[in-house]
Amino acid sequence: MSKPLARSGHVSIEELEAYRVFAAYIVSEFGEQYIGVLDRIEQELEKARREDPLARARRVLQEASGQAQMCEGNRLKAISSSQ
């Protein structure tokens, strides 16, 4: 079983996202031998997102907002094209 990413304290989703970008940079600059680091950070990020109810709620609202904007945009297109 693998150890938690952070040895002391909580690592926020925002921190994990920043680490993910940094790990992607390391892989792209120094080679595929570092892909395990990126994989691990992505696993921890997925776990954190599943376990953080506030982040889950925000994601749901963001998705709903995007869908609502898309629907609103389609409604406006339909109205303007019918005139």
Protein backbone atom coordinates (compact mmCIF):
# COMPACT_ATOMS: atom_id res chain seq x y z
CA MET A 1 0.00 0.00 0.00
CA SER A 2 1.33 3.43 -0.89
CA LYS A 3 1.91 6.17 1.62
CA PRO A 4 -0.03 9.45 1.47
CA LEU A 5 1.55 12.15 -0.69
CA ALA A 6 1.94 14.55 2.22
CA ARG A 7 3.64 13.23 5.33
CA SER A 8 2.31 15.91 7.61
CA GLY A 9 -0.98 17.69 7.25
CA HIS A 10 -3.50 18.09 4.49
CA VAL A 11 -2.62 18.87 0.88
CA SER A 12 -5.31 20.98 -0.76
CA ILE A 13 -6.77 20.28 -4.16
CA GLU A 14 -5.25 23.54 -5.38
CA GLU A 15 -1.80 22.41 -4.23
CA LEU A 16 -2.23 19.04 -5.92
CA GLU A 17 -3.26 20.77 -9.13
CA ALA A 18 -0.09 22.90 -8.98
CA TYR A 19 2.03 19.80 -8.26
CA ARG A 20 0.38 18.09 -11.23
CA VAL A 21 1.43 20.90 -13.58
CA PHE A 22 4.95 20.82 -12.17
CA ALA A 23 5.15 17.03 -12.56
CA ALA A 24 3.96 17.33 -16.18
CA TYR A 25 6.74 19.85 -16.77
CA ILE A 26 9.31 17.47 -15.24
CA VAL A 27 8.13 14.61 -17.47
CA SER A 28 8.16 16.77 -20.59
CA GLU A 29 11.60 18.22 -19.86
CA PHE A 30 13.43 15.26 -18.33
CA GLY A 31 11.76 12.20 -19.75
CA GLU A 32 9.24 9.46 -19.33
CA GLN A 33 11.10 7.89 -16.42
CA TYR A 34 9.32 10.46 -14.22
CA ILE A 35 5.79 9.57 -15.35
CA GLY A 36 5.24 7.70 -12.09
CA VAL A 37 5.35 11.01 -10.22
CA LEU A 38 2.63 12.46 -12.46
CA ASP A 39 0.57 9.29 -12.14
CA ARG A 40 0.78 9.39 -8.36
CA ILE A 41 -0.19 13.03 -8.12
CA GLU A 42 -3.15 12.45 -10.42
CA GLN A 43 -4.27 9.53 -8.22
CA GLU A 44 -4.04 11.70 -5.11
CA LEU A 45 -5.91 14.50 -6.88
CA GLU A 46 -8.74 12.15 -7.89
CA LYS A 47 -8.93 10.82 -4.34
CA ALA A 48 -8.99 14.33 -2.88
CA ARG A 49 -11.76 15.37 -5.26
CA ARG A 50 -13.87 12.34 -4.30
CA GLU A 51 -13.38 12.98 -0.60
CA ASP A 52 -13.87 16.77 -0.55
CA PRO A 53 -17.62 17.45 -0.42
CA LEU A 54 -17.18 21.18 -0.99
CA ALA A 55 -15.09 20.60 -4.11
CA ARG A 56 -17.66 18.09 -5.38
CA ALA A 57 -20.48 20.59 -4.81
CA ARG A 58 -18.56 23.34 -6.61
CA ARG A 59 -17.88 21.01 -9.56
CA VAL A 60 -21.57 20.13 -9.83
CA LEU A 61 -22.54 23.80 -9.77
CA GLN A 62 -19.87 24.69 -12.33
CA GLU A 63 -21.07 21.92 -14.65
CA ALA A 64 -24.67 23.03 -14.21
CA SER A 65 -23.71 26.63 -14.87
CA GLY A 66 -21.97 25.64 -18.09
CA GLN A 67 -25.00 23.64 -19.19
CA ALA A 68 -27.32 26.50 -18.33
CA GLN A 69 -25.19 28.94 -20.34
CA MET A 70 -25.18 26.55 -23.26
CA CYS A 71 -28.96 26.19 -23.12
CA GLU A 72 -29.40 29.95 -22.81
CA GLY A 73 -27.09 30.50 -25.79
CA ASN A 74 -29.05 28.01 -27.89
CA ARG A 75 -32.31 29.68 -26.92
CA LEU A 76 -30.97 33.07 -27.97
CA LYS A 77 -29.75 31.64 -31.29
CA ALA A 78 -33.16 30.09 -31.93
CA ILE A 79 -34.92 33.35 -31.13
CA SER A 80 -32.64 35.48 -33.31
CA SER A 81 -32.79 33.07 -36.26
CA SER A 82 -36.60 32.97 -36.17
CA GLN A 83 -36.92 36.75 -36.51
